[in-house]
Structures are given as C-alpha cells and as structure tokens.
Amino acid sequence: MEDRFVNPETAPDYLRQVLNKQTPYTYLMDIAPLTAGEHRVEAISASDEQRHLLQLEEHEPCLLIHRRTWSGSRVVTSARLIYPGSRYQLFGRFTSHG
C-alpha cells in the first residue's frame, strides 16, 4: 500500500498525468531529477483495513517504510509504504575503504 504526497511546487501538473502511460517515477525524474533520498523502516501491526487489502493473517506483521526524495533543496515526494512483513526482505552491503 502506498500513501504518497507529491510537492505541487515541484510537480504542479502531477495530478494531470496519465500514469498508465508513464510511471510516476519516470515523470518525476523528467521534471525534478532525484538528487537525494531517505528511508526509515519500522515494524507495525496492520489495521483491519490494511489487513483486508493486503490479504494478511490476523497477527501478520507489516513493514512501514517512510520515504522522502529531494531534487536539489526541494522535497519532491514523501511516502508511507506498507508491505506484508512475510513478503519483504531488507538487504544492505557496505565496503570499508582504508
């Protein structure tokens, strides 16, 4: 599930887009190229509505990802993404230089 705010100052025509012809990502990258982003991840219990829409078992946990993106100094999007915890994996890798 996704709940997304798109900054109307950065993307004033966003709501007029036909998003089955072009993805939101493609449109936003064309008008406000991504220069930075952040993710914050937390475990949550789903609401009754979320559990129904995501076809979850009663006590199945979810991951809530808060995501913000910037183009230059302007926030372009702020989103809340909810995923069934049993169907999602997080992975990271780092390299030490030195």
N, C-alpha and C. Protein backbone atom coordinates (compact mmCIF):
# COMPACT_ATOMS: atom_id res chain seq x y z
N MET A 1 0.85 -1.16 0.00
CA MET A 1 0.00 0.00 0.00
C MET A 1 0.89 1.23 0.00
N GLU A 2 0.44 2.24 -0.65
CA GLU A 2 1.24 3.46 -0.72
C GLU A 2 0.36 4.69 -0.51
N ASP A 3 0.87 5.59 0.30
CA ASP A 3 0.25 6.89 0.52
C ASP A 3 1.34 7.91 0.21
N ARG A 4 1.19 8.64 -0.89
CA ARG A 4 2.28 9.50 -1.37
C ARG A 4 1.82 10.95 -1.49
N PHE A 5 2.67 11.86 -0.99
CA PHE A 5 2.49 13.29 -1.20
C PHE A 5 3.51 13.71 -2.25
N VAL A 6 3.05 14.40 -3.27
CA VAL A 6 3.95 14.96 -4.29
C VAL A 6 3.86 16.47 -4.17
N ASN A 7 4.99 17.11 -3.99
CA ASN A 7 5.06 18.56 -3.78
C ASN A 7 4.53 19.29 -5.02
N PRO A 8 3.42 20.01 -4.90
CA PRO A 8 2.86 20.70 -6.06
C PRO A 8 3.74 21.84 -6.58
N GLU A 9 4.64 22.35 -5.76
CA GLU A 9 5.56 23.38 -6.26
C GLU A 9 6.62 22.78 -7.17
N THR A 10 6.95 21.53 -6.93
CA THR A 10 7.96 20.84 -7.74
C THR A 10 7.32 20.17 -8.95
N ALA A 11 6.12 19.63 -8.78
CA ALA A 11 5.44 18.90 -9.85
C ALA A 11 3.99 19.40 -9.96
N PRO A 12 3.80 20.63 -10.46
CA PRO A 12 2.45 21.22 -10.48
C PRO A 12 1.44 20.47 -11.35
N ASP A 13 1.90 19.73 -12.35
CA ASP A 13 0.98 19.01 -13.24
C ASP A 13 0.86 17.52 -12.90
N TYR A 14 1.35 17.12 -11.76
CA TYR A 14 1.36 15.69 -11.40
C TYR A 14 -0.03 15.06 -11.48
N LEU A 15 -1.04 15.72 -10.95
CA LEU A 15 -2.38 15.12 -10.93
C LEU A 15 -3.02 15.04 -12.31
N ARG A 16 -2.44 15.70 -13.29
CA ARG A 16 -2.97 15.64 -14.66
C ARG A 16 -2.32 14.53 -15.49
N GLN A 17 -1.36 13.83 -14.91
CA GLN A 17 -0.64 12.81 -15.66
C GLN A 17 -1.48 11.55 -15.84
N VAL A 18 -1.31 10.91 -16.99
CA VAL A 18 -1.94 9.62 -17.27
C VAL A 18 -0.89 8.58 -16.88
N LEU A 19 -1.04 8.04 -15.67
CA LEU A 19 0.03 7.22 -15.10
C LEU A 19 0.02 5.78 -15.59
N ASN A 20 -0.89 5.41 -16.48
CA ASN A 20 -0.78 4.09 -17.09
C ASN A 20 0.04 4.16 -18.38
N LYS A 21 0.42 5.37 -18.79
CA LYS A 21 1.30 5.55 -19.95
C LYS A 21 2.74 5.83 -19.53
N GLN A 22 2.91 6.34 -18.34
CA GLN A 22 4.23 6.69 -17.81
C GLN A 22 4.18 6.52 -16.30
N THR A 23 5.19 5.90 -15.73
CA THR A 23 5.17 5.69 -14.28
C THR A 23 5.38 7.01 -13.56
N PRO A 24 4.91 7.12 -12.32
CA PRO A 24 5.17 8.32 -11.54
C PRO A 24 6.67 8.61 -11.44
N TYR A 25 7.47 7.56 -11.27
CA TYR A 25 8.92 7.74 -11.16
C TYR A 25 9.49 8.39 -12.41
N THR A 26 9.11 7.89 -13.58
CA THR A 26 9.63 8.44 -14.84
C THR A 26 9.23 9.90 -15.00
N TYR A 27 7.98 10.20 -14.73
CA TYR A 27 7.52 11.59 -14.83
C TYR A 27 8.30 12.50 -13.89
N LEU A 28 8.42 12.09 -12.63
CA LEU A 28 9.11 12.94 -11.65
C LEU A 28 10.59 13.09 -11.98
N MET A 29 11.23 12.04 -12.48
CA MET A 29 12.64 12.14 -12.86
C MET A 29 12.83 13.08 -14.04
N ASP A 30 11.85 13.15 -14.92
CA ASP A 30 11.94 14.06 -16.06
C ASP A 30 11.86 15.53 -15.63
N ILE A 31 11.01 15.83 -14.65
CA ILE A 31 10.81 17.24 -14.28
C ILE A 31 11.61 17.68 -13.06
N ALA A 32 12.00 16.73 -12.21
CA ALA A 32 12.73 17.07 -10.98
C ALA A 32 13.66 15.90 -10.64
N PRO A 33 14.79 15.79 -11.34
CA PRO A 33 15.69 14.64 -11.14
C PRO A 33 16.06 14.45 -9.67
N LEU A 34 15.96 13.21 -9.24
CA LEU A 34 16.28 12.84 -7.86
C LEU A 34 17.75 13.11 -7.55
N THR A 35 17.99 13.83 -6.46
CA THR A 35 19.37 14.08 -6.03
C THR A 35 19.66 13.49 -4.65
N ALA A 36 18.61 13.18 -3.88
CA ALA A 36 18.80 12.58 -2.56
C ALA A 36 17.52 11.88 -2.15
N GLY A 37 17.67 10.94 -1.24
CA GLY A 37 16.51 10.22 -0.72
C GLY A 37 16.82 9.62 0.63
N GLU A 38 15.78 9.31 1.36
CA GLU A 38 15.97 8.65 2.65
C GLU A 38 14.84 7.65 2.87
N HIS A 39 15.16 6.59 3.60
CA HIS A 39 14.19 5.59 4.01
C HIS A 39 14.29 5.41 5.51
N ARG A 40 13.15 5.30 6.16
CA ARG A 40 13.10 4.90 7.57
C ARG A 40 12.13 3.73 7.62
N VAL A 41 12.57 2.62 8.24
CA VAL A 41 11.80 1.38 8.24
C VAL A 41 11.40 1.03 9.66
N GLU A 42 10.14 0.63 9.84
CA GLU A 42 9.69 0.17 11.15
C GLU A 42 8.69 -0.97 10.99
N ALA A 43 8.62 -1.82 12.01
CA ALA A 43 7.63 -2.90 12.04
C ALA A 43 6.35 -2.36 12.65
N ILE A 44 5.21 -2.72 12.05
CA ILE A 44 3.91 -2.27 12.57
C ILE A 44 2.91 -3.42 12.54
N SER A 45 1.84 -3.26 13.28
CA SER A 45 0.67 -4.13 13.17
C SER A 45 -0.28 -3.48 12.18
N ALA A 46 -0.84 -4.27 11.30
CA ALA A 46 -1.75 -3.73 10.29
C ALA A 46 -3.11 -3.41 10.90
N SER A 47 -3.73 -2.37 10.38
CA SER A 47 -5.12 -2.07 10.75
C SER A 47 -6.02 -3.12 10.09
N ASP A 48 -7.28 -3.15 10.48
CA ASP A 48 -8.22 -4.08 9.86
C ASP A 48 -8.32 -3.84 8.35
N GLU A 49 -8.38 -2.58 7.95
CA GLU A 49 -8.48 -2.26 6.52
C GLU A 49 -7.22 -2.69 5.77
N GLN A 50 -6.05 -2.40 6.33
CA GLN A 50 -4.80 -2.80 5.69
C GLN A 50 -4.70 -4.32 5.59
N ARG A 51 -5.08 -5.01 6.65
CA ARG A 51 -5.03 -6.48 6.66
C ARG A 51 -5.94 -7.03 5.55
N HIS A 52 -7.12 -6.45 5.39
CA HIS A 52 -8.03 -6.89 4.34
C HIS A 52 -7.44 -6.63 2.95
N LEU A 53 -6.97 -5.42 2.71
CA LEU A 53 -6.44 -5.06 1.38
C LEU A 53 -5.18 -5.85 1.02
N LEU A 54 -4.36 -6.14 2.01
CA LEU A 54 -3.11 -6.87 1.76
C LEU A 54 -3.26 -8.38 1.92
N GLN A 55 -4.47 -8.83 2.24
CA GLN A 55 -4.78 -10.26 2.41
C GLN A 55 -3.85 -10.91 3.43
N LEU A 56 -3.82 -10.32 4.63
CA LEU A 56 -2.94 -10.78 5.70
C LEU A 56 -3.69 -11.63 6.71
N GLU A 57 -2.95 -12.49 7.37
CA GLU A 57 -3.49 -13.21 8.52
C GLU A 57 -3.64 -12.21 9.67
N GLU A 58 -4.39 -12.57 10.70
CA GLU A 58 -4.75 -11.63 11.75
C GLU A 58 -3.55 -10.97 12.44
N HIS A 59 -2.52 -11.72 12.76
CA HIS A 59 -1.39 -11.14 13.51
C HIS A 59 -0.12 -11.02 12.66
N GLU A 60 -0.26 -11.04 11.35
CA GLU A 60 0.92 -10.94 10.48
C GLU A 60 1.46 -9.51 10.52
N PRO A 61 2.75 -9.34 10.81
CA PRO A 61 3.33 -8.00 10.91
C PRO A 61 3.56 -7.38 9.53
N CYS A 62 3.70 -6.08 9.53
CA CYS A 62 3.99 -5.34 8.30
C CYS A 62 5.25 -4.50 8.50
N LEU A 63 5.84 -4.14 7.38
CA LEU A 63 6.91 -3.15 7.38
C LEU A 63 6.34 -1.85 6.86
N LEU A 64 6.61 -0.78 7.58
CA LEU A 64 6.23 0.56 7.15
C LEU A 64 7.51 1.28 6.76
N ILE A 65 7.57 1.72 5.53
CA ILE A 65 8.73 2.46 5.04
C ILE A 65 8.30 3.90 4.80
N HIS A 66 8.95 4.81 5.49
CA HIS A 66 8.76 6.24 5.26
C HIS A 66 9.85 6.65 4.28
N ARG A 67 9.47 7.21 3.15
CA ARG A 67 10.46 7.59 2.14
C ARG A 67 10.26 9.05 1.75
N ARG A 68 11.38 9.78 1.67
CA ARG A 68 11.36 11.16 1.15
C ARG A 68 12.42 11.25 0.07
N THR A 69 12.10 12.04 -0.96
CA THR A 69 13.06 12.28 -2.03
C THR A 69 13.18 13.77 -2.28
N TRP A 70 14.36 14.16 -2.71
CA TRP A 70 14.66 15.56 -3.00
C TRP A 70 15.20 15.71 -4.41
N SER A 71 14.96 16.90 -4.96
CA SER A 71 15.63 17.36 -6.16
C SER A 71 16.25 18.68 -5.77
N GLY A 72 17.56 18.69 -5.65
CA GLY A 72 18.23 19.88 -5.11
C GLY A 72 17.81 20.06 -3.67
N SER A 73 17.37 21.25 -3.31
CA SER A 73 16.97 21.52 -1.92
C SER A 73 15.48 21.32 -1.67
N ARG A 74 14.73 20.92 -2.70
CA ARG A 74 13.28 20.77 -2.56
C ARG A 74 12.86 19.32 -2.35
N VAL A 75 11.99 19.10 -1.37
CA VAL A 75 11.37 17.78 -1.22
C VAL A 75 10.42 17.58 -2.39
N VAL A 76 10.57 16.46 -3.09
CA VAL A 76 9.70 16.15 -4.22
C VAL A 76 8.54 15.27 -3.76
N THR A 77 8.87 14.20 -3.02
CA THR A 77 7.84 13.29 -2.54
C THR A 77 8.09 12.89 -1.10
N SER A 78 7.00 12.56 -0.45
CA SER A 78 7.03 11.96 0.88
C SER A 78 6.01 10.84 0.85
N ALA A 79 6.43 9.63 1.19
CA ALA A 79 5.54 8.48 1.04
C ALA A 79 5.57 7.58 2.26
N ARG A 80 4.43 6.94 2.52
CA ARG A 80 4.31 5.86 3.50
C ARG A 80 3.98 4.61 2.71
N LEU A 81 4.85 3.62 2.78
CA LEU A 81 4.69 2.37 2.04
C LEU A 81 4.52 1.25 3.04
N ILE A 82 3.47 0.46 2.91
CA ILE A 82 3.22 -0.64 3.84
C ILE A 82 3.30 -1.95 3.07
N TYR A 83 4.16 -2.85 3.56
CA TYR A 83 4.38 -4.15 2.94
C TYR A 83 4.11 -5.25 3.96
N PRO A 84 3.55 -6.39 3.51
CA PRO A 84 3.44 -7.53 4.41
C PRO A 84 4.85 -7.98 4.82
N GLY A 85 5.09 -8.10 6.10
CA GLY A 85 6.42 -8.45 6.59
C GLY A 85 6.92 -9.79 6.08
N SER A 86 6.02 -10.73 5.85
CA SER A 86 6.42 -12.07 5.40
C SER A 86 6.79 -12.10 3.92
N ARG A 87 6.54 -11.02 3.20
CA ARG A 87 6.80 -10.99 1.75
C ARG A 87 7.85 -9.94 1.37
N TYR A 88 8.65 -9.54 2.32
CA TYR A 88 9.60 -8.46 2.07
C TYR A 88 10.92 -8.76 2.76
N GLN A 89 12.01 -8.42 2.12
CA GLN A 89 13.33 -8.58 2.72
C GLN A 89 14.09 -7.28 2.61
N LEU A 90 14.91 -7.00 3.60
CA LEU A 90 15.82 -5.87 3.55
C LEU A 90 17.23 -6.41 3.39
N PHE A 91 18.03 -5.75 2.60
CA PHE A 91 19.41 -6.18 2.38
C PHE A 91 20.28 -4.94 2.30
N GLY A 92 21.44 -5.03 2.87
CA GLY A 92 22.41 -3.93 2.78
C GLY A 92 23.81 -4.49 2.65
N ARG A 93 24.68 -3.71 2.09
CA ARG A 93 26.08 -4.12 1.94
C ARG A 93 26.93 -2.89 2.15
N PHE A 94 28.06 -3.05 2.78
CA PHE A 94 28.99 -1.94 2.92
C PHE A 94 30.39 -2.43 2.64
N THR A 95 31.23 -1.51 2.26
CA THR A 95 32.63 -1.79 1.98
C THR A 95 33.47 -0.80 2.76
N SER A 96 34.50 -1.31 3.37
CA SER A 96 35.43 -0.46 4.11
C SER A 96 36.58 -0.08 3.18
N HIS A 97 36.84 1.19 3.09
CA HIS A 97 37.97 1.67 2.28
C HIS A 97 39.02 2.21 3.23
N GLY A 98 40.12 1.54 3.31
CA GLY A 98 41.13 2.09 4.19
C GLY A 98 41.98 1.08 4.72
